[in-house]
Amino acid sequence: MYRLLVWKERQRALRTRKAKGGESARARHLDTGERGETLTYWYLRQAGYTIVARNRRARSGAGELDLIGWDGPVLAFIEVKTRTSLEAGPPEAAVSHAKQKRVVKAAKEFLRRVKKHPINYRFDIASVVWEPESGFQVRLIKDAFKG
């Protein structure tokens, strides 16, 4: 399934590049981020994760949790960063200390609402790079930061 999605995204990018002036009303970076999250979802499923939530917003306004899933006995909160170029550095470099604090706050709010609080949890980063010729490349950084 993951390979099929990568192929589909490569075809979509080629069509978009060929179309002239066909820019949608939606910002391109939002489309890129959404595609990166979808591919990361399937990448994690293929890696054995059981995803329990996507794009979970904290009621407190602390932020959004991109993906939440079980990696065996550990509950992982996965922040997904997608880039179309490495000019500004690797995608994971965009997860600043302030962003980490927002993710941790949203995760703790999520954990408070769960009836059976998991003992083991961690914060991962999925670093996704989109290159039109080779498609998406997903790199998972487990236990990327502490909560």
Protein backbone atom coordinates (compact mmCIF):
# COMPACT_ATOMS: atom_id res chain seq x y z
CA MET A 1 0.00 0.00 0.00
CA TYR A 2 2.81 2.40 0.90
CA ARG A 3 4.53 1.86 -2.47
CA LEU A 4 1.25 2.50 -4.26
CA LEU A 5 0.84 5.81 -2.43
CA VAL A 6 4.39 6.86 -3.26
CA TRP A 7 3.75 6.09 -6.95
CA LYS A 8 0.43 7.99 -6.84
CA GLU A 9 2.09 11.05 -5.29
CA ARG A 10 4.87 10.98 -7.88
CA GLN A 11 2.25 10.93 -10.67
CA ARG A 12 0.32 13.75 -9.00
CA ALA A 13 3.45 15.89 -8.78
CA LEU A 14 4.26 15.32 -12.44
CA ARG A 15 0.73 16.35 -13.48
CA THR A 16 0.89 19.44 -11.26
CA ARG A 17 4.23 20.48 -12.74
CA LYS A 18 2.89 20.10 -16.28
CA ALA A 19 -0.25 22.13 -15.59
CA LYS A 20 0.31 25.84 -16.14
CA GLY A 21 -1.30 28.34 -13.83
CA GLY A 22 -3.39 25.63 -12.19
CA GLU A 23 -2.54 26.67 -8.63
CA SER A 24 -5.35 25.79 -6.25
CA ALA A 25 -6.83 28.21 -3.74
CA ARG A 26 -5.35 26.08 -0.95
CA ALA A 27 -1.77 26.87 0.02
CA ARG A 28 0.75 24.50 -1.52
CA HIS A 29 2.55 23.90 1.80
CA LEU A 30 -0.69 22.62 3.35
CA ASP A 31 -1.10 20.10 0.52
CA THR A 32 2.53 19.04 0.93
CA GLY A 33 2.11 18.61 4.69
CA GLU A 34 -1.10 16.62 4.29
CA ARG A 35 0.49 14.29 1.74
CA GLY A 36 3.49 13.83 4.04
CA GLU A 37 1.23 12.92 6.95
CA THR A 38 -0.74 10.43 4.86
CA LEU A 39 2.42 8.74 3.61
CA THR A 40 3.85 8.68 7.12
CA TYR A 41 0.63 7.07 8.37
CA TRP A 42 1.02 4.22 5.87
CA TYR A 43 4.77 4.00 6.46
CA LEU A 44 4.15 3.52 10.19
CA ARG A 45 1.39 0.98 9.58
CA GLN A 46 3.81 -0.98 7.38
CA ALA A 47 6.40 -0.75 10.20
CA GLY A 48 3.94 -2.37 12.63
CA TYR A 49 2.49 0.67 14.40
CA THR A 50 -1.19 0.70 15.38
CA ILE A 51 -2.35 4.25 14.74
CA VAL A 52 -5.05 5.41 17.15
CA ALA A 53 -5.46 9.08 16.17
CA ARG A 54 -4.59 11.56 13.43
CA ASN A 55 -4.57 15.35 13.62
CA ARG A 56 -5.79 15.37 17.21
CA ARG A 57 -6.32 18.95 18.40
CA ALA A 58 -5.86 19.78 22.06
CA ARG A 59 -8.95 21.34 23.63
CA SER A 60 -6.73 23.79 25.49
CA GLY A 61 -5.45 25.18 22.21
CA ALA A 62 -1.97 23.83 22.92
CA GLY A 63 -1.65 22.56 19.37
CA GLU A 64 -2.19 19.47 17.30
CA LEU A 65 -0.80 15.96 17.49
CA ASP A 66 -0.14 14.77 13.94
CA LEU A 67 -0.19 11.02 14.64
CA ILE A 68 -0.60 8.92 17.76
CA GLY A 69 0.14 5.22 17.61
CA TRP A 70 1.28 2.14 19.46
CA ASP A 71 4.74 0.83 18.66
CA GLY A 72 4.43 -2.43 20.56
CA PRO A 73 3.92 -1.53 24.24
CA VAL A 74 4.94 2.13 23.75
CA LEU A 75 2.53 4.91 22.81
CA ALA A 76 4.23 7.24 20.33
CA PHE A 77 3.27 10.83 19.61
CA ILE A 78 4.62 11.49 16.11
CA GLU A 79 5.27 14.99 14.81
CA VAL A 80 5.45 14.95 11.00
CA LYS A 81 7.54 17.51 9.11
CA THR A 82 7.53 17.50 5.31
CA ARG A 83 9.79 19.53 3.04
CA THR A 84 10.16 19.79 -0.73
CA SER A 85 13.76 20.93 -0.47
CA LEU A 86 16.66 20.67 1.95
CA GLU A 87 17.71 24.32 1.39
CA ALA A 88 16.52 25.31 4.88
CA GLY A 89 17.92 22.16 6.45
CA PRO A 90 16.37 18.79 7.24
CA PRO A 91 12.66 18.71 8.12
CA GLU A 92 13.27 17.65 11.72
CA ALA A 93 15.21 20.89 12.31
CA ALA A 94 11.85 22.71 12.07
CA VAL A 95 10.69 21.11 15.32
CA SER A 96 11.88 23.91 17.58
CA HIS A 97 11.97 23.82 21.36
CA ALA A 98 8.74 25.87 21.42
CA LYS A 99 7.06 23.37 19.07
CA GLN A 100 8.26 20.49 21.25
CA LYS A 101 6.68 22.16 24.30
CA ARG A 102 3.34 22.52 22.46
CA VAL A 103 3.42 18.86 21.39
CA VAL A 104 4.24 17.72 24.94
CA LYS A 105 1.43 19.87 26.38
CA ALA A 106 -1.08 18.47 23.85
CA ALA A 107 0.13 14.91 24.53
CA LYS A 108 -0.25 15.31 28.29
CA GLU A 109 -3.78 16.61 27.76
CA PHE A 110 -4.50 13.56 25.57
CA LEU A 111 -3.08 11.23 28.25
CA ARG A 112 -5.24 12.81 30.96
CA ARG A 113 -8.35 11.94 28.91
CA VAL A 114 -7.33 8.31 28.37
CA LYS A 115 -8.90 6.01 30.94
CA LYS A 116 -5.96 3.62 31.16
CA HIS A 117 -2.88 5.82 31.19
CA PRO A 118 0.03 4.16 29.33
CA ILE A 119 3.19 3.82 31.36
CA ASN A 120 5.52 4.05 28.39
CA TYR A 121 5.22 6.84 25.85
CA ARG A 122 7.64 8.80 23.72
CA PHE A 123 7.87 11.58 21.15
CA ASP A 124 8.98 10.74 17.63
CA ILE A 125 9.58 12.88 14.56
CA ALA A 126 8.82 11.69 11.04
CA SER A 127 11.09 13.58 8.67
CA VAL A 128 9.63 13.52 5.16
CA VAL A 129 11.39 14.88 2.09
CA TRP A 130 9.60 15.20 -1.24
CA GLU A 131 11.75 15.16 -4.37
CA PRO A 132 9.80 15.15 -7.66
CA GLU A 133 12.11 12.58 -9.29
CA SER A 134 12.39 10.10 -6.43
CA GLY A 135 9.17 10.83 -4.54
CA PHE A 136 8.79 10.84 -0.78
CA GLN A 137 11.43 9.59 1.61
CA VAL A 138 10.33 9.01 5.21
CA ARG A 139 12.82 8.83 8.06
CA LEU A 140 11.54 8.07 11.54
CA ILE A 141 13.43 9.46 14.52
CA LYS A 142 12.27 7.57 17.60
CA ASP A 143 12.46 9.26 21.00
CA ALA A 144 13.42 12.53 19.29
CA PHE A 145 12.72 14.68 22.34
CA LYS A 146 11.64 14.32 25.95
CA GLY A 147 8.33 15.29 27.50
